[in-house]
């Protein structure tokens, strides 16, 4: 299960279709606030990863991810940004598994989804040493997400 948050219905729908085409399930949300409403509800089921647009009305995708990771520090998270600039995203990389620029390539997204899922399957066991549980090359507290190659 992946959770997609984007204020633009067309982009949210395309990503949901890609995820489902790859054989995974997906829930979609139109804002950080609607996602947080679900997140704090008793019906919440944690996803393999959150895929959120960065720039949205109200809370940004980064603010959303920081709040979620305040409660679920190991939650995998990806920012999808239409305003990618390496210098502007340097400060957010430490909170993410990955940051991907719009427009992304379908093959690139399929690869990312598979890597996130593979990481989840491989490191479900809490017995794996934390330093050895990263597949992404990132330097932040999440042992699942050790990499944040920003692509675009």
C-alpha atoms as a PDB file:
ATOM      1  CA  UNK A   1       0.000   0.000   0.000  1.00  0.00           C
ATOM      2  CA  UNK A   2       1.246   3.452  -0.959  1.00  0.00           C
ATOM      3  CA  UNK A   3      -0.287   6.777   0.070  1.00  0.00           C
ATOM      4  CA  UNK A   4      -0.303   9.597  -2.497  1.00  0.00           C
ATOM      5  CA  UNK A   5      -0.875  13.215  -1.475  1.00  0.00           C
ATOM      6  CA  UNK A   6      -1.224  15.853  -4.202  1.00  0.00           C
ATOM      7  CA  UNK A   7      -3.579  18.804  -4.520  1.00  0.00           C
ATOM      8  CA  UNK A   8      -3.890  18.372  -8.300  1.00  0.00           C
ATOM      9  CA  UNK A   9      -6.421  15.624  -9.106  1.00  0.00           C
ATOM     10  CA  UNK A  10      -4.882  14.841 -12.501  1.00  0.00           C
ATOM     11  CA  UNK A  11      -1.386  14.267 -11.098  1.00  0.00           C
ATOM     12  CA  UNK A  12      -2.737  12.359  -8.108  1.00  0.00           C
ATOM     13  CA  UNK A  13      -4.759  10.142 -10.446  1.00  0.00           C
ATOM     14  CA  UNK A  14      -1.837   9.485 -12.786  1.00  0.00           C
ATOM     15  CA  UNK A  15       0.397   8.419  -9.902  1.00  0.00           C
ATOM     16  CA  UNK A  16      -2.366   6.232  -8.450  1.00  0.00           C
ATOM     17  CA  UNK A  17      -2.791   4.581 -11.868  1.00  0.00           C
ATOM     18  CA  UNK A  18       0.978   3.985 -12.144  1.00  0.00           C
ATOM     19  CA  UNK A  19       1.109   2.440  -8.689  1.00  0.00           C
ATOM     20  CA  UNK A  20      -1.845   0.173  -9.414  1.00  0.00           C
ATOM     21  CA  UNK A  21      -0.462  -0.712 -12.852  1.00  0.00           C
ATOM     22  CA  UNK A  22       2.713  -1.859 -11.079  1.00  0.00           C
ATOM     23  CA  UNK A  23       0.545  -4.202  -9.009  1.00  0.00           C
ATOM     24  CA  UNK A  24       0.405  -2.265  -5.731  1.00  0.00           C
ATOM     25  CA  UNK A  25      -2.514  -0.740  -3.872  1.00  0.00           C
ATOM     26  CA  UNK A  26      -2.845   2.983  -3.320  1.00  0.00           C
ATOM     27  CA  UNK A  27      -4.847   5.494  -1.328  1.00  0.00           C
ATOM     28  CA  UNK A  28      -4.939   9.108  -2.459  1.00  0.00           C
ATOM     29  CA  UNK A  29      -5.481  12.374  -0.609  1.00  0.00           C
ATOM     30  CA  UNK A  30      -5.955  15.922  -1.912  1.00  0.00           C
ATOM     31  CA  UNK A  31      -4.085  17.778   0.839  1.00  0.00           C
ATOM     32  CA  UNK A  32      -1.769  17.361   3.791  1.00  0.00           C
ATOM     33  CA  UNK A  33      -4.687  18.194   6.053  1.00  0.00           C
ATOM     34  CA  UNK A  34      -6.929  15.457   4.604  1.00  0.00           C
ATOM     35  CA  UNK A  35      -4.059  12.977   4.970  1.00  0.00           C
ATOM     36  CA  UNK A  36      -3.471  13.968   8.592  1.00  0.00           C
ATOM     37  CA  UNK A  37      -7.175  13.546   9.305  1.00  0.00           C
ATOM     38  CA  UNK A  38      -6.838   9.946   8.095  1.00  0.00           C
ATOM     39  CA  UNK A  39      -3.469   9.531   9.826  1.00  0.00           C
ATOM     40  CA  UNK A  40      -4.964  10.363  13.238  1.00  0.00           C
ATOM     41  CA  UNK A  41      -8.082   8.248  12.698  1.00  0.00           C
ATOM     42  CA  UNK A  42      -8.561   4.725  14.055  1.00  0.00           C
ATOM     43  CA  UNK A  43      -8.829   3.473  10.432  1.00  0.00           C
ATOM     44  CA  UNK A  44      -5.216   4.461   9.633  1.00  0.00           C
ATOM     45  CA  UNK A  45      -3.052   1.742   8.129  1.00  0.00           C
ATOM     46  CA  UNK A  46       0.614   2.620   7.642  1.00  0.00           C
ATOM     47  CA  UNK A  47       1.764   2.470   4.013  1.00  0.00           C
ATOM     48  CA  UNK A  48       4.979   1.133   2.557  1.00  0.00           C
ATOM     49  CA  UNK A  49       5.696   4.781   1.688  1.00  0.00           C
ATOM     50  CA  UNK A  50       4.129   8.208   1.503  1.00  0.00           C
ATOM     51  CA  UNK A  51       4.518   9.934  -1.883  1.00  0.00           C
ATOM     52  CA  UNK A  52       3.687  13.603  -1.452  1.00  0.00           C
ATOM     53  CA  UNK A  53       3.762  16.682  -3.611  1.00  0.00           C
ATOM     54  CA  UNK A  54       5.992  19.327  -2.049  1.00  0.00           C
ATOM     55  CA  UNK A  55       4.088  22.529  -2.851  1.00  0.00           C
ATOM     56  CA  UNK A  56       0.434  22.401  -1.803  1.00  0.00           C
ATOM     57  CA  UNK A  57      -2.008  24.899  -0.300  1.00  0.00           C
ATOM     58  CA  UNK A  58      -1.886  24.733   3.479  1.00  0.00           C
ATOM     59  CA  UNK A  59       0.876  22.480   4.764  1.00  0.00           C
ATOM     60  CA  UNK A  60       3.696  21.533   2.426  1.00  0.00           C
ATOM     61  CA  UNK A  61       4.607  17.932   1.764  1.00  0.00           C
ATOM     62  CA  UNK A  62       7.672  18.344   3.967  1.00  0.00           C
ATOM     63  CA  UNK A  63       5.607  19.662   6.881  1.00  0.00           C
ATOM     64  CA  UNK A  64       3.298  16.682   6.438  1.00  0.00           C
ATOM     65  CA  UNK A  65       6.172  14.190   6.407  1.00  0.00           C
ATOM     66  CA  UNK A  66       7.809  15.754   9.461  1.00  0.00           C
ATOM     67  CA  UNK A  67       4.535  15.460  11.390  1.00  0.00           C
ATOM     68  CA  UNK A  68       3.974  11.842  10.341  1.00  0.00           C
ATOM     69  CA  UNK A  69       7.570  10.901  11.133  1.00  0.00           C
ATOM     70  CA  UNK A  70       7.173  12.541  14.551  1.00  0.00           C
ATOM     71  CA  UNK A  71       4.780   9.690  15.344  1.00  0.00           C
ATOM     72  CA  UNK A  72       6.195   7.029  12.982  1.00  0.00           C
ATOM     73  CA  UNK A  73       9.947   7.734  12.759  1.00  0.00           C
ATOM     74  CA  UNK A  74      10.595   4.816  10.390  1.00  0.00           C
ATOM     75  CA  UNK A  75       7.941   5.782   7.851  1.00  0.00           C
ATOM     76  CA  UNK A  76       9.340   5.879   4.322  1.00  0.00           C
ATOM     77  CA  UNK A  77       8.612   9.155   2.556  1.00  0.00           C
ATOM     78  CA  UNK A  78       9.143  10.577  -0.925  1.00  0.00           C
ATOM     79  CA  UNK A  79       8.658  14.170  -2.063  1.00  0.00           C
ATOM     80  CA  UNK A  80       7.593  14.780  -5.652  1.00  0.00           C
ATOM     81  CA  UNK A  81       8.390  18.345  -6.682  1.00  0.00           C
ATOM     82  CA  UNK A  82       7.630  20.407  -9.746  1.00  0.00           C
ATOM     83  CA  UNK A  83       9.963  23.135  -8.537  1.00  0.00           C
ATOM     84  CA  UNK A  84      13.105  21.072  -8.176  1.00  0.00           C
ATOM     85  CA  UNK A  85      16.324  22.958  -7.519  1.00  0.00           C
ATOM     86  CA  UNK A  86      19.118  21.072  -5.739  1.00  0.00           C
ATOM     87  CA  UNK A  87      19.998  23.992  -3.486  1.00  0.00           C
ATOM     88  CA  UNK A  88      16.397  24.523  -2.361  1.00  0.00           C
ATOM     89  CA  UNK A  89      15.925  20.854  -1.561  1.00  0.00           C
ATOM     90  CA  UNK A  90      19.214  20.290   0.271  1.00  0.00           C
ATOM     91  CA  UNK A  91      17.581  20.963   3.642  1.00  0.00           C
ATOM     92  CA  UNK A  92      14.713  18.523   3.059  1.00  0.00           C
ATOM     93  CA  UNK A  93      16.753  15.514   1.953  1.00  0.00           C
ATOM     94  CA  UNK A  94      17.506  14.489   5.531  1.00  0.00           C
ATOM     95  CA  UNK A  95      13.796  13.797   6.110  1.00  0.00           C
ATOM     96  CA  UNK A  96      13.211  11.656   3.038  1.00  0.00           C
ATOM     97  CA  UNK A  97      13.981   8.392   1.328  1.00  0.00           C
ATOM     98  CA  UNK A  98      13.919  10.116  -2.016  1.00  0.00           C
ATOM     99  CA  UNK A  99      13.011  13.338  -3.771  1.00  0.00           C
ATOM    100  CA  UNK A 100      11.873  13.083  -7.376  1.00  0.00           C
ATOM    101  CA  UNK A 101      11.296  15.919  -9.829  1.00  0.00           C
ATOM    102  CA  UNK A 102       8.190  16.401 -11.950  1.00  0.00           C
ATOM    103  CA  UNK A 103       7.796  15.397 -14.640  1.00  0.00           C
ATOM    104  CA  UNK A 104       9.201  12.015 -13.697  1.00  0.00           C
ATOM    105  CA  UNK A 105       9.719   9.143 -16.067  1.00  0.00           C
ATOM    106  CA  UNK A 106       7.371   6.181 -15.695  1.00  0.00           C
ATOM    107  CA  UNK A 107      10.278   3.746 -15.613  1.00  0.00           C
ATOM    108  CA  UNK A 108      11.942   5.827 -12.895  1.00  0.00           C
ATOM    109  CA  UNK A 109       8.770   5.767 -10.774  1.00  0.00           C
ATOM    110  CA  UNK A 110       8.316   2.005 -11.224  1.00  0.00           C
ATOM    111  CA  UNK A 111      11.926   1.496 -10.131  1.00  0.00           C
ATOM    112  CA  UNK A 112      11.456   3.687  -7.058  1.00  0.00           C
ATOM    113  CA  UNK A 113       8.257   1.879  -6.042  1.00  0.00           C
ATOM    114  CA  UNK A 114       9.980  -1.481  -6.364  1.00  0.00           C
ATOM    115  CA  UNK A 115      12.993  -0.345  -4.322  1.00  0.00           C
ATOM    116  CA  UNK A 116      10.730   0.991  -1.572  1.00  0.00           C
ATOM    117  CA  UNK A 117       8.792  -2.263  -1.480  1.00  0.00           C
ATOM    118  CA  UNK A 118      11.972  -4.375  -1.574  1.00  0.00           C
ATOM    119  CA  UNK A 119      13.385  -2.366   1.316  1.00  0.00           C
ATOM    120  CA  UNK A 120      10.174  -2.874   3.289  1.00  0.00           C
ATOM    121  CA  UNK A 121      10.225  -6.640   2.724  1.00  0.00           C
ATOM    122  CA  UNK A 122      13.929  -7.004   3.411  1.00  0.00           C
ATOM    123  CA  UNK A 123      13.956  -5.039   6.628  1.00  0.00           C
ATOM    124  CA  UNK A 124      10.645  -5.935   8.229  1.00  0.00           C
ATOM    125  CA  UNK A 125      12.612  -7.828  10.832  1.00  0.00           C
ATOM    126  CA  UNK A 126      13.639  -5.665  13.735  1.00  0.00           C
ATOM    127  CA  UNK A 127      16.540  -8.069  14.316  1.00  0.00           C
ATOM    128  CA  UNK A 128      18.490  -6.619  11.385  1.00  0.00           C
ATOM    129  CA  UNK A 129      21.174  -4.203  12.619  1.00  0.00           C
ATOM    130  CA  UNK A 130      20.025  -0.604  12.139  1.00  0.00           C
ATOM    131  CA  UNK A 131      23.171   0.450  10.291  1.00  0.00           C
ATOM    132  CA  UNK A 132      22.641  -2.351   7.770  1.00  0.00           C
ATOM    133  CA  UNK A 133      18.953  -1.687   7.102  1.00  0.00           C
ATOM    134  CA  UNK A 134      19.228   1.051   4.495  1.00  0.00           C
ATOM    135  CA  UNK A 135      18.875   0.678   0.756  1.00  0.00           C
ATOM    136  CA  UNK A 136      18.728   4.343  -0.215  1.00  0.00           C
ATOM    137  CA  UNK A 137      22.009   5.934   0.976  1.00  0.00           C
ATOM    138  CA  UNK A 138      20.407   8.650   3.148  1.00  0.00           C
ATOM    139  CA  UNK A 139      21.921  10.009   6.347  1.00  0.00           C
ATOM    140  CA  UNK A 140      18.987  10.503   8.673  1.00  0.00           C
ATOM    141  CA  UNK A 141      17.471   8.638  11.581  1.00  0.00           C
ATOM    142  CA  UNK A 142      15.367   6.218   9.516  1.00  0.00           C
ATOM    143  CA  UNK A 143      17.236   2.943   9.180  1.00  0.00           C
ATOM    144  CA  UNK A 144      15.069   2.056   6.196  1.00  0.00           C
ATOM    145  CA  UNK A 145      15.947   5.141   4.176  1.00  0.00           C
ATOM    146  CA  UNK A 146      19.623   5.716   3.779  1.00  0.00           C
ATOM    147  CA  UNK A 147      19.521   7.529   0.437  1.00  0.00           C
ATOM    148  CA  UNK A 148      17.999  10.512  -1.181  1.00  0.00           C
ATOM    149  CA  UNK A 149      19.204  10.777  -4.709  1.00  0.00           C
ATOM    150  CA  UNK A 150      17.213  13.638  -6.115  1.00  0.00           C
ATOM    151  CA  UNK A 151      16.394  12.896  -9.700  1.00  0.00           C
ATOM    152  CA  UNK A 152      15.047  14.933 -12.499  1.00  0.00           C
END
